């Protein structure tokens, strides 16, 4: 994914998805995004 502050491309392990961290380039606080196939499924109300 790309850092939302400096657009630096970042690689992260799947285990860190959803965890807050720092951009290795600009040191800004970022959150490792969830991969699309791991996003929670939105269920329709019963």
ModelCIF file with pLDDT and N, C-alpha, C, O atoms, coordinates in Angstrom:
data_MODEL
#
_entry.id   MODEL 
#
_entity.id                         1 
_entity.type                       polymer 
_entity.pdbx_number_of_molecules   1 
#
_entity_poly.entity_id                      1 
_entity_poly.type                           'polypeptide(L)' 
_entity_poly.nstd_linkage                   no 
_entity_poly.nstd_monomer                   no 
_entity_poly.pdbx_seq_one_letter_code       
;(UNK)(UNK)(UNK)(UNK)(UNK)(UNK)(UNK)(UNK)(UNK)(UNK)(UNK)(UNK)(UNK)(UNK)(UNK)(UNK)
(UNK)(UNK)(UNK)(UNK)(UNK)(UNK)(UNK)(UNK)(UNK)(UNK)(UNK)(UNK)(UNK)(UNK)(UNK)(UNK)
(UNK)(UNK)(UNK)(UNK)(UNK)(UNK)(UNK)(UNK)(UNK)(UNK)(UNK)(UNK)(UNK)(UNK)
;
_entity_poly.pdbx_seq_one_letter_code_can   XXXXXXXXXXXXXXXXXXXXXXXXXXXXXXXXXXXXXXXXXXXXXX 
_entity_poly.pdbx_strand_id                 A 
#
loop_
_entity_poly_seq.entity_id 
_entity_poly_seq.num 
_entity_poly_seq.mon_id 
_entity_poly_seq.hetero 
1 1  UNK n 
1 2  UNK n 
1 3  UNK n 
1 4  UNK n 
1 5  UNK n 
1 6  UNK n 
1 7  UNK n 
1 8  UNK n 
1 9  UNK n 
1 10 UNK n 
1 11 UNK n 
1 12 UNK n 
1 13 UNK n 
1 14 UNK n 
1 15 UNK n 
1 16 UNK n 
1 17 UNK n 
1 18 UNK n 
1 19 UNK n 
1 20 UNK n 
1 21 UNK n 
1 22 UNK n 
1 23 UNK n 
1 24 UNK n 
1 25 UNK n 
1 26 UNK n 
1 27 UNK n 
1 28 UNK n 
1 29 UNK n 
1 30 UNK n 
1 31 UNK n 
1 32 UNK n 
1 33 UNK n 
1 34 UNK n 
1 35 UNK n 
1 36 UNK n 
1 37 UNK n 
1 38 UNK n 
1 39 UNK n 
1 40 UNK n 
1 41 UNK n 
1 42 UNK n 
1 43 UNK n 
1 44 UNK n 
1 45 UNK n 
1 46 UNK n 
#
_struct_asym.id          A 
_struct_asym.entity_id   1 
#
loop_
_ma_qa_metric.id 
_ma_qa_metric.mode 
_ma_qa_metric.name 
_ma_qa_metric.software_group_id 
_ma_qa_metric.type 
1 global pLDDT . pLDDT 
2 local  pLDDT . pLDDT 
#
_ma_qa_metric_global.metric_id      1 
_ma_qa_metric_global.metric_value   72.30 
_ma_qa_metric_global.model_id       1 
_ma_qa_metric_global.ordinal_id     1 
#
loop_
_ma_qa_metric_local.label_asym_id 
_ma_qa_metric_local.label_comp_id 
_ma_qa_metric_local.label_seq_id 
_ma_qa_metric_local.metric_id 
_ma_qa_metric_local.metric_value 
_ma_qa_metric_local.model_id 
_ma_qa_metric_local.ordinal_id 
A UNK 1  2 73.00 1 1  
A UNK 2  2 80.00 1 2  
A UNK 3  2 82.00 1 3  
A UNK 4  2 80.00 1 4  
A UNK 5  2 79.00 1 5  
A UNK 6  2 84.00 1 6  
A UNK 7  2 80.00 1 7  
A UNK 8  2 79.00 1 8  
A UNK 9  2 81.00 1 9  
A UNK 10 2 77.00 1 10 
A UNK 11 2 77.00 1 11 
A UNK 12 2 73.00 1 12 
A UNK 13 2 73.00 1 13 
A UNK 14 2 68.00 1 14 
A UNK 15 2 71.00 1 15 
A UNK 16 2 71.00 1 16 
A UNK 17 2 69.00 1 17 
A UNK 18 2 72.00 1 18 
A UNK 19 2 75.00 1 19 
A UNK 20 2 79.00 1 20 
A UNK 21 2 78.00 1 21 
A UNK 22 2 80.00 1 22 
A UNK 23 2 81.00 1 23 
A UNK 24 2 81.00 1 24 
A UNK 25 2 81.00 1 25 
A UNK 26 2 84.00 1 26 
A UNK 27 2 80.00 1 27 
A UNK 28 2 81.00 1 28 
A UNK 29 2 81.00 1 29 
A UNK 30 2 76.00 1 30 
A UNK 31 2 78.00 1 31 
A UNK 32 2 72.00 1 32 
A UNK 33 2 76.00 1 33 
A UNK 34 2 74.00 1 34 
A UNK 35 2 69.00 1 35 
A UNK 36 2 65.00 1 36 
A UNK 37 2 56.00 1 37 
A UNK 38 2 52.00 1 38 
A UNK 39 2 51.00 1 39 
A UNK 40 2 54.00 1 40 
A UNK 41 2 50.00 1 41 
A UNK 42 2 57.00 1 42 
A UNK 43 2 54.00 1 43 
A UNK 44 2 60.00 1 44 
A UNK 45 2 66.00 1 45 
A UNK 46 2 66.00 1 46 
#
loop_
_atom_site.group_PDB 
_atom_site.id 
_atom_site.type_symbol 
_atom_site.label_atom_id 
_atom_site.label_alt_id 
_atom_site.label_comp_id 
_atom_site.label_asym_id 
_atom_site.label_entity_id 
_atom_site.label_seq_id 
_atom_site.pdbx_PDB_ins_code 
_atom_site.Cartn_x 
_atom_site.Cartn_y 
_atom_site.Cartn_z 
_atom_site.occupancy 
_atom_site.B_iso_or_equiv 
_atom_site.pdbx_formal_charge 
_atom_site.auth_seq_id 
_atom_site.auth_comp_id 
_atom_site.auth_asym_id 
_atom_site.auth_atom_id 
_atom_site.pdbx_PDB_model_num 
ATOM 1   N N  . UNK A 1 1  ? 0.855   -1.186  0.000  1.00 73.00 ? 1  UNK A N  1 
ATOM 2   C CA . UNK A 1 1  ? 0.000   0.000   0.000  1.00 73.00 ? 1  UNK A CA 1 
ATOM 3   C C  . UNK A 1 1  ? 0.884   1.226   0.000  1.00 73.00 ? 1  UNK A C  1 
ATOM 4   O O  . UNK A 1 1  ? 2.091   1.111   0.215  1.00 73.00 ? 1  UNK A O  1 
ATOM 5   N N  . UNK A 1 2  ? 0.324   2.384   -0.232 1.00 80.00 ? 2  UNK A N  1 
ATOM 6   C CA . UNK A 1 2  ? 1.053   3.671   -0.278 1.00 80.00 ? 2  UNK A CA 1 
ATOM 7   C C  . UNK A 1 2  ? 0.745   4.450   0.970  1.00 80.00 ? 2  UNK A C  1 
ATOM 8   O O  . UNK A 1 2  ? -0.387  4.426   1.453  1.00 80.00 ? 2  UNK A O  1 
ATOM 9   N N  . UNK A 1 3  ? 1.748   5.154   1.512  1.00 82.00 ? 3  UNK A N  1 
ATOM 10  C CA . UNK A 1 3  ? 1.552   5.995   2.688  1.00 82.00 ? 3  UNK A CA 1 
ATOM 11  C C  . UNK A 1 3  ? 0.629   7.143   2.287  1.00 82.00 ? 3  UNK A C  1 
ATOM 12  O O  . UNK A 1 3  ? 0.891   7.802   1.281  1.00 82.00 ? 3  UNK A O  1 
ATOM 13  N N  . UNK A 1 4  ? -0.417  7.399   3.020  1.00 80.00 ? 4  UNK A N  1 
ATOM 14  C CA . UNK A 1 4  ? -1.355  8.474   2.684  1.00 80.00 ? 4  UNK A CA 1 
ATOM 15  C C  . UNK A 1 4  ? -0.737  9.869   2.836  1.00 80.00 ? 4  UNK A C  1 
ATOM 16  O O  . UNK A 1 4  ? -1.311  10.858  2.380  1.00 80.00 ? 4  UNK A O  1 
ATOM 17  N N  . UNK A 1 5  ? 0.476   9.947   3.500  1.00 79.00 ? 5  UNK A N  1 
ATOM 18  C CA . UNK A 1 5  ? 1.094   11.261  3.728  1.00 79.00 ? 5  UNK A CA 1 
ATOM 19  C C  . UNK A 1 5  ? 2.172   11.577  2.675  1.00 79.00 ? 5  UNK A C  1 
ATOM 20  O O  . UNK A 1 5  ? 2.232   12.688  2.148  1.00 79.00 ? 5  UNK A O  1 
ATOM 21  N N  . UNK A 1 6  ? 3.018   10.579  2.383  1.00 84.00 ? 6  UNK A N  1 
ATOM 22  C CA . UNK A 1 6  ? 4.134   10.834  1.466  1.00 84.00 ? 6  UNK A CA 1 
ATOM 23  C C  . UNK A 1 6  ? 4.079   9.969   0.212  1.00 84.00 ? 6  UNK A C  1 
ATOM 24  O O  . UNK A 1 6  ? 4.976   10.063  -0.626 1.00 84.00 ? 6  UNK A O  1 
ATOM 25  N N  . UNK A 1 7  ? 3.100   9.166   0.063  1.00 80.00 ? 7  UNK A N  1 
ATOM 26  C CA . UNK A 1 7  ? 2.899   8.278   -1.094 1.00 80.00 ? 7  UNK A CA 1 
ATOM 27  C C  . UNK A 1 7  ? 4.007   7.257   -1.258 1.00 80.00 ? 7  UNK A C  1 
ATOM 28  O O  . UNK A 1 7  ? 4.169   6.682   -2.334 1.00 80.00 ? 7  UNK A O  1 
ATOM 29  N N  . UNK A 1 8  ? 4.757   7.032   -0.221 1.00 79.00 ? 8  UNK A N  1 
ATOM 30  C CA . UNK A 1 8  ? 5.822   6.029   -0.280 1.00 79.00 ? 8  UNK A CA 1 
ATOM 31  C C  . UNK A 1 8  ? 5.171   4.646   -0.266 1.00 79.00 ? 8  UNK A C  1 
ATOM 32  O O  . UNK A 1 8  ? 4.245   4.395   0.506  1.00 79.00 ? 8  UNK A O  1 
ATOM 33  N N  . UNK A 1 9  ? 5.665   3.747   -1.132 1.00 81.00 ? 9  UNK A N  1 
ATOM 34  C CA . UNK A 1 9  ? 5.140   2.399   -1.195 1.00 81.00 ? 9  UNK A CA 1 
ATOM 35  C C  . UNK A 1 9  ? 5.676   1.581   -0.035 1.00 81.00 ? 9  UNK A C  1 
ATOM 36  O O  . UNK A 1 9  ? 6.870   1.578   0.263  1.00 81.00 ? 9  UNK A O  1 
ATOM 37  N N  . UNK A 1 10 ? 4.759   0.898   0.598  1.00 77.00 ? 10 UNK A N  1 
ATOM 38  C CA . UNK A 1 10 ? 5.106   0.159   1.820  1.00 77.00 ? 10 UNK A CA 1 
ATOM 39  C C  . UNK A 1 10 ? 4.646   -1.281  1.646  1.00 77.00 ? 10 UNK A C  1 
ATOM 40  O O  . UNK A 1 10 ? 3.598   -1.554  1.061  1.00 77.00 ? 10 UNK A O  1 
ATOM 41  N N  . UNK A 1 11 ? 5.458   -2.197  2.171  1.00 77.00 ? 11 UNK A N  1 
ATOM 42  C CA . UNK A 1 11 ? 5.100   -3.608  2.235  1.00 77.00 ? 11 UNK A CA 1 
ATOM 43  C C  . UNK A 1 11 ? 4.950   -4.010  3.719  1.00 77.00 ? 11 UNK A C  1 
ATOM 44  O O  . UNK A 1 11 ? 5.777   -3.644  4.554  1.00 77.00 ? 11 UNK A O  1 
ATOM 45  N N  . UNK A 1 12 ? 3.909   -4.749  4.022  1.00 73.00 ? 12 UNK A N  1 
ATOM 46  C CA . UNK A 1 12 ? 3.673   -5.193  5.412  1.00 73.00 ? 12 UNK A CA 1 
ATOM 47  C C  . UNK A 1 12 ? 3.148   -6.630  5.432  1.00 73.00 ? 12 UNK A C  1 
ATOM 48  O O  . UNK A 1 12 ? 2.518   -7.090  4.480  1.00 73.00 ? 12 UNK A O  1 
ATOM 49  N N  . UNK A 1 13 ? 3.416   -7.309  6.511  1.00 73.00 ? 13 UNK A N  1 
ATOM 50  C CA . UNK A 1 13 ? 2.949   -8.674  6.681  1.00 73.00 ? 13 UNK A CA 1 
ATOM 51  C C  . UNK A 1 13 ? 1.411   -8.695  6.887  1.00 73.00 ? 13 UNK A C  1 
ATOM 52  O O  . UNK A 1 13 ? 0.828   -7.738  7.397  1.00 73.00 ? 13 UNK A O  1 
ATOM 53  N N  . UNK A 1 14 ? 0.783   -9.804  6.478  1.00 68.00 ? 14 UNK A N  1 
ATOM 54  C CA . UNK A 1 14 ? -0.666  -9.954  6.666  1.00 68.00 ? 14 UNK A CA 1 
ATOM 55  C C  . UNK A 1 14 ? -1.058  -9.859  8.135  1.00 68.00 ? 14 UNK A C  1 
ATOM 56  O O  . UNK A 1 14 ? -2.143  -9.387  8.476  1.00 68.00 ? 14 UNK A O  1 
ATOM 57  N N  . UNK A 1 15 ? -0.155  -10.318 8.995  1.00 71.00 ? 15 UNK A N  1 
ATOM 58  C CA . UNK A 1 15 ? -0.473  -10.323 10.426 1.00 71.00 ? 15 UNK A CA 1 
ATOM 59  C C  . UNK A 1 15 ? -0.610  -8.927  10.992 1.00 71.00 ? 15 UNK A C  1 
ATOM 60  O O  . UNK A 1 15 ? -1.209  -8.745  12.052 1.00 71.00 ? 15 UNK A O  1 
ATOM 61  N N  . UNK A 1 16 ? -0.040  -7.893  10.269 1.00 71.00 ? 16 UNK A N  1 
ATOM 62  C CA . UNK A 1 16 ? -0.109  -6.516  10.788 1.00 71.00 ? 16 UNK A CA 1 
ATOM 63  C C  . UNK A 1 16 ? -1.326  -5.761  10.267 1.00 71.00 ? 16 UNK A C  1 
ATOM 64  O O  . UNK A 1 16 ? -1.495  -4.583  10.580 1.00 71.00 ? 16 UNK A O  1 
ATOM 65  N N  . UNK A 1 17 ? -2.164  -6.406  9.489  1.00 69.00 ? 17 UNK A N  1 
ATOM 66  C CA . UNK A 1 17 ? -3.338  -5.737  8.928  1.00 69.00 ? 17 UNK A CA 1 
ATOM 67  C C  . UNK A 1 17 ? -4.200  -5.185  10.050 1.00 69.00 ? 17 UNK A C  1 
ATOM 68  O O  . UNK A 1 17 ? -4.552  -5.884  11.000 1.00 69.00 ? 17 UNK A O  1 
ATOM 69  N N  . UNK A 1 18 ? -4.534  -3.884  9.905  1.00 72.00 ? 18 UNK A N  1 
ATOM 70  C CA . UNK A 1 18 ? -5.382  -3.230  10.896 1.00 72.00 ? 18 UNK A CA 1 
ATOM 71  C C  . UNK A 1 18 ? -4.630  -2.661  12.065 1.00 72.00 ? 18 UNK A C  1 
ATOM 72  O O  . UNK A 1 18 ? -5.249  -2.093  12.965 1.00 72.00 ? 18 UNK A O  1 
ATOM 73  N N  . UNK A 1 19 ? -3.311  -2.787  12.091 1.00 75.00 ? 19 UNK A N  1 
ATOM 74  C CA . UNK A 1 19 ? -2.510  -2.300  13.220 1.00 75.00 ? 19 UNK A CA 1 
ATOM 75  C C  . UNK A 1 19 ? -1.944  -0.921  12.884 1.00 75.00 ? 19 UNK A C  1 
ATOM 76  O O  . UNK A 1 19 ? -1.539  -0.667  11.749 1.00 75.00 ? 19 UNK A O  1 
ATOM 77  N N  . UNK A 1 20 ? -1.920  -0.026  13.888 1.00 79.00 ? 20 UNK A N  1 
ATOM 78  C CA . UNK A 1 20 ? -1.342  1.306   13.701 1.00 79.00 ? 20 UNK A CA 1 
ATOM 79  C C  . UNK A 1 20 ? 0.200   1.202   13.745 1.00 79.00 ? 20 UNK A C  1 
ATOM 80  O O  . UNK A 1 20 ? 0.762   0.466   14.557 1.00 79.00 ? 20 UNK A O  1 
ATOM 81  N N  . UNK A 1 21 ? 0.858   1.950   12.861 1.00 78.00 ? 21 UNK A N  1 
ATOM 82  C CA . UNK A 1 21 ? 2.345   1.919   12.774 1.00 78.00 ? 21 UNK A CA 1 
ATOM 83  C C  . UNK A 1 21 ? 2.832   3.282   12.251 1.00 78.00 ? 21 UNK A C  1 
ATOM 84  O O  . UNK A 1 21 ? 2.057   4.234   12.169 1.00 78.00 ? 21 UNK A O  1 
ATOM 85  N N  . UNK A 1 22 ? 4.150   3.362   11.894 1.00 80.00 ? 22 UNK A N  1 
ATOM 86  C CA . UNK A 1 22 ? 4.730   4.597   11.356 1.00 80.00 ? 22 UNK A CA 1 
ATOM 87  C C  . UNK A 1 22 ? 5.281   4.341   9.956  1.00 80.00 ? 22 UNK A C  1 
ATOM 88  O O  . UNK A 1 22 ? 5.845   3.284   9.675  1.00 80.00 ? 22 UNK A O  1 
ATOM 89  N N  . UNK A 1 23 ? 5.110   5.305   9.114  1.00 81.00 ? 23 UNK A N  1 
ATOM 90  C CA . UNK A 1 23 ? 5.658   5.201   7.753  1.00 81.00 ? 23 UNK A CA 1 
ATOM 91  C C  . UNK A 1 23 ? 7.199   5.172   7.854  1.00 81.00 ? 23 UNK A C  1 
ATOM 92  O O  . UNK A 1 23 ? 7.777   6.057   8.485  1.00 81.00 ? 23 UNK A O  1 
ATOM 93  N N  . UNK A 1 24 ? 7.866   4.193   7.258  1.00 81.00 ? 24 UNK A N  1 
ATOM 94  C CA . UNK A 1 24 ? 9.328   4.125   7.364  1.00 81.00 ? 24 UNK A CA 1 
ATOM 95  C C  . UNK A 1 24 ? 10.040  5.304   6.644  1.00 81.00 ? 24 UNK A C  1 
ATOM 96  O O  . UNK A 1 24 ? 11.236  5.536   6.818  1.00 81.00 ? 24 UNK A O  1 
ATOM 97  N N  . UNK A 1 25 ? 9.238   6.037   5.825  1.00 81.00 ? 25 UNK A N  1 
ATOM 98  C CA . UNK A 1 25 ? 9.865   7.125   5.058  1.00 81.00 ? 25 UNK A CA 1 
ATOM 99  C C  . UNK A 1 25 ? 9.643   8.468   5.728  1.00 81.00 ? 25 UNK A C  1 
ATOM 100 O O  . UNK A 1 25 ? 10.592  9.214   5.970  1.00 81.00 ? 25 UNK A O  1 
ATOM 101 N N  . UNK A 1 26 ? 8.366   8.780   6.033  1.00 84.00 ? 26 UNK A N  1 
ATOM 102 C CA . UNK A 1 26 ? 8.081   10.106  6.609  1.00 84.00 ? 26 UNK A CA 1 
ATOM 103 C C  . UNK A 1 26 ? 7.790   10.052  8.097  1.00 84.00 ? 26 UNK A C  1 
ATOM 104 O O  . UNK A 1 26 ? 7.579   11.082  8.737  1.00 84.00 ? 26 UNK A O  1 
ATOM 105 N N  . UNK A 1 27 ? 7.779   8.881   8.625  1.00 80.00 ? 27 UNK A N  1 
ATOM 106 C CA . UNK A 1 27 ? 7.559   8.672   10.067 1.00 80.00 ? 27 UNK A CA 1 
ATOM 107 C C  . UNK A 1 27 ? 6.168   9.106   10.544 1.00 80.00 ? 27 UNK A C  1 
ATOM 108 O O  . UNK A 1 27 ? 5.930   9.255   11.743 1.00 80.00 ? 27 UNK A O  1 
ATOM 109 N N  . UNK A 1 28 ? 5.276   9.302   9.609  1.00 81.00 ? 28 UNK A N  1 
ATOM 110 C CA . UNK A 1 28 ? 3.905   9.673   10.009 1.00 81.00 ? 28 UNK A CA 1 
ATOM 111 C C  . UNK A 1 28 ? 3.135   8.422   10.482 1.00 81.00 ? 28 UNK A C  1 
ATOM 112 O O  . UNK A 1 28 ? 3.425   7.296   10.075 1.00 81.00 ? 28 UNK A O  1 
ATOM 113 N N  . UNK A 1 29 ? 2.155   8.666   11.346 1.00 81.00 ? 29 UNK A N  1 
ATOM 114 C CA . UNK A 1 29 ? 1.337   7.550   11.859 1.00 81.00 ? 29 UNK A CA 1 
ATOM 115 C C  . UNK A 1 29 ? 0.398   7.051   10.752 1.00 81.00 ? 29 UNK A C  1 
ATOM 116 O O  . UNK A 1 29 ? -0.319  7.826   10.118 1.00 81.00 ? 29 UNK A O  1 
ATOM 117 N N  . UNK A 1 30 ? 0.429   5.767   10.550 1.00 76.00 ? 30 UNK A N  1 
ATOM 118 C CA . UNK A 1 30 ? -0.427  5.151   9.538  1.00 76.00 ? 30 UNK A CA 1 
ATOM 119 C C  . UNK A 1 30 ? -1.061  3.884   10.117 1.00 76.00 ? 30 UNK A C  1 
ATOM 120 O O  . UNK A 1 30 ? -0.642  3.388   11.163 1.00 76.00 ? 30 UNK A O  1 
ATOM 121 N N  . UNK A 1 31 ? -2.053  3.383   9.437  1.00 78.00 ? 31 UNK A N  1 
ATOM 122 C CA . UNK A 1 31 ? -2.690  2.111   9.807  1.00 78.00 ? 31 UNK A CA 1 
ATOM 123 C C  . UNK A 1 31 ? -2.583  1.174   8.628  1.00 78.00 ? 31 UNK A C  1 
ATOM 124 O O  . UNK A 1 31 ? -3.006  1.503   7.520  1.00 78.00 ? 31 UNK A O  1 
ATOM 125 N N  . UNK A 1 32 ? -2.020  0.013   8.866  1.00 72.00 ? 32 UNK A N  1 
ATOM 126 C CA . UNK A 1 32 ? -1.871  -0.980  7.799  1.00 72.00 ? 32 UNK A CA 1 
ATOM 127 C C  . UNK A 1 32 ? -3.267  -1.402  7.353  1.00 72.00 ? 32 UNK A C  1 
ATOM 128 O O  . UNK A 1 32 ? -4.048  -1.918  8.151  1.00 72.00 ? 32 UNK A O  1 
ATOM 129 N N  . UNK A 1 33 ? -3.580  -1.181  6.073  1.00 76.00 ? 33 UNK A N  1 
ATOM 130 C CA . UNK A 1 33 ? -4.938  -1.505  5.605  1.00 76.00 ? 33 UNK A CA 1 
ATOM 131 C C  . UNK A 1 33 ? -5.197  -3.013  5.558  1.00 76.00 ? 33 UNK A C  1 
ATOM 132 O O  . UNK A 1 33 ? -4.280  -3.830  5.487  1.00 76.00 ? 33 UNK A O  1 
ATOM 133 N N  . UNK A 1 34 ? -6.481  -3.337  5.600  1.00 74.00 ? 34 UNK A N  1 
ATOM 134 C CA . UNK A 1 34 ? -6.894  -4.740  5.454  1.00 74.00 ? 34 UNK A CA 1 
ATOM 135 C C  . UNK A 1 34 ? -6.923  -5.085  3.978  1.00 74.00 ? 34 UNK A C  1 
ATOM 136 O O  . UNK A 1 34 ? -7.420  -4.286  3.185  1.00 74.00 ? 34 UNK A O  1 
ATOM 137 N N  . UNK A 1 35 ? -6.410  -6.243  3.572  1.00 69.00 ? 35 UNK A N  1 
ATOM 138 C CA . UNK A 1 35 ? -6.555  -6.653  2.184  1.00 69.00 ? 35 UNK A CA 1 
ATOM 139 C C  . UNK A 1 35 ? -8.028  -6.840  1.842  1.00 69.00 ? 35 UNK A C  1 
ATOM 140 O O  . UNK A 1 35 ? -8.847  -7.138  2.712  1.00 69.00 ? 35 UNK A O  1 
ATOM 141 N N  . UNK A 1 36 ? -8.354  -6.661  0.564  1.00 65.00 ? 36 UNK A N  1 
ATOM 142 C CA . UNK A 1 36 ? -9.767  -6.698  0.171  1.00 65.00 ? 36 UNK A CA 1 
ATOM 143 C C  . UNK A 1 36 ? -10.438 -8.030  0.526  1.00 65.00 ? 36 UNK A C  1 
ATOM 144 O O  . UNK A 1 36 ? -11.602 -8.067  0.925  1.00 65.00 ? 36 UNK A O  1 
ATOM 145 N N  . UNK A 1 37 ? -9.678  -9.123  0.373  1.00 56.00 ? 37 UNK A N  1 
ATOM 146 C CA . UNK A 1 37 ? -10.307 -10.426 0.643  1.00 56.00 ? 37 UNK A CA 1 
ATOM 147 C C  . UNK A 1 37 ? -10.471 -10.712 2.133  1.00 56.00 ? 37 UNK A C  1 
ATOM 148 O O  . UNK A 1 37 ? -11.091 -11.704 2.515  1.00 56.00 ? 37 UNK A O  1 
ATOM 149 N N  . UNK A 1 38 ? -9.903  -9.826  2.985  1.00 52.00 ? 38 UNK A N  1 
ATOM 150 C CA . UNK A 1 38 ? -10.091 -9.979  4.440  1.00 52.00 ? 38 UNK A CA 1 
ATOM 151 C C  . UNK A 1 38 ? -11.074 -8.981  5.022  1.00 52.00 ? 38 UNK A C  1 
ATOM 152 O O  . UNK A 1 38 ? -11.329 -8.998  6.226  1.00 52.00 ? 38 UNK A O  1 
ATOM 153 N N  . UNK A 1 39 ? -11.640 -8.100  4.177  1.00 51.00 ? 39 UNK A N  1 
ATOM 154 C CA . UNK A 1 39 ? -12.569 -7.098  4.700  1.00 51.00 ? 39 UNK A CA 1 
ATOM 155 C C  . UNK A 1 39 ? -13.826 -7.810  5.218  1.00 51.00 ? 39 UNK A C  1 
ATOM 156 O O  . UNK A 1 39 ? -14.292 -8.769  4.602  1.00 51.00 ? 39 UNK A O  1 
ATOM 157 N N  . UNK A 1 40 ? -14.363 -7.356  6.320  1.00 54.00 ? 40 UNK A N  1 
ATOM 158 C CA . UNK A 1 40 ? -15.564 -8.001  6.892  1.00 54.00 ? 40 UNK A CA 1 
ATOM 159 C C  . UNK A 1 40 ? -16.736 -7.922  5.938  1.00 54.00 ? 40 UNK A C  1 
ATOM 160 O O  . UNK A 1 40 ? -16.961 -6.905  5.282  1.00 54.00 ? 40 UNK A O  1 
ATOM 161 N N  . UNK A 1 41 ? -17.460 -8.988  5.875  1.00 50.00 ? 41 UNK A N  1 
ATOM 162 C CA . UNK A 1 41 ? -18.632 -9.061  4.997  1.00 50.00 ? 41 UNK A CA 1 
ATOM 163 C C  . UNK A 1 41 ? -19.800 -8.338  5.660  1.00 50.00 ? 41 UNK A C  1 
ATOM 164 O O  . UNK A 1 41 ? -20.113 -8.577  6.826  1.00 50.00 ? 41 UNK A O  1 
ATOM 165 N N  . UNK A 1 42 ? -20.428 -7.463  4.911  1.00 57.00 ? 42 UNK A N  1 
ATOM 166 C CA . UNK A 1 42 ? -21.587 -6.740  5.426  1.00 57.00 ? 42 UNK A CA 1 
ATOM 167 C C  . UNK A 1 42 ? -22.835 -7.575  5.140  1.00 57.00 ? 42 UNK A C  1 
ATOM 168 O O  . UNK A 1 42 ? -23.193 -7.844  3.993  1.00 57.00 ? 42 UNK A O  1 
ATOM 169 N N  . UNK A 1 43 ? -23.459 -7.958  6.208  1.00 54.00 ? 43 UNK A N  1 
ATOM 170 C CA . UNK A 1 43 ? -24.674 -8.773  6.072  1.00 54.00 ? 43 UNK A CA 1 
ATOM 171 C C  . UNK A 1 43 ? -25.907 -7.874  6.021  1.00 54.00 ? 43 UNK A C  1 
ATOM 172 O O  . UNK A 1 43 ? -25.989 -6.854  6.705  1.00 54.00 ? 43 UNK A O  1 
ATOM 173 N N  . UNK A 1 44 ? -26.845 -8.279  5.202  1.00 60.00 ? 44 UNK A N  1 
ATOM 174 C CA . UNK A 1 44 ? -28.109 -7.552  5.161  1.00 60.00 ? 44 UNK A CA 1 
ATOM 175 C C  . UNK A 1 44 ? -28.909 -7.862  6.432  1.00 60.00 ? 44 UNK A C  1 
ATOM 176 O O  . UNK A 1 44 ? -28.860 -8.978  6.949  1.00 60.00 ? 44 UNK A O  1 
ATOM 177 N N  . UNK A 1 45 ? -29.630 -6.880  6.919  1.00 66.00 ? 45 UNK A N  1 
ATOM 178 C CA . UNK A 1 45 ? -30.439 -7.133  8.124  1.00 66.00 ? 45 UNK A CA 1 
ATOM 179 C C  . UNK A 1 45 ? -31.472 -8.231  7.870  1.00 66.00 ? 45 UNK A C  1 
ATOM 180 O O  . UNK A 1 45 ? -32.049 -8.329  6.788  1.00 66.00 ? 45 UNK A O  1 
ATOM 181 N N  . UNK A 1 46 ? -31.685 -9.048  8.892  1.00 66.00 ? 46 UNK A N  1 
ATOM 182 C CA . UNK A 1 46 ? -32.656 -10.138 8.744  1.00 66.00 ? 46 UNK A CA 1 
ATOM 183 C C  . UNK A 1 46 ? -34.041 -9.584  8.512  1.00 66.00 ? 46 UNK A C  1 
ATOM 184 O O  . UNK A 1 46 ? -34.994 -10.348 8.363  1.00 66.00 ? 46 UNK A O  1 
#
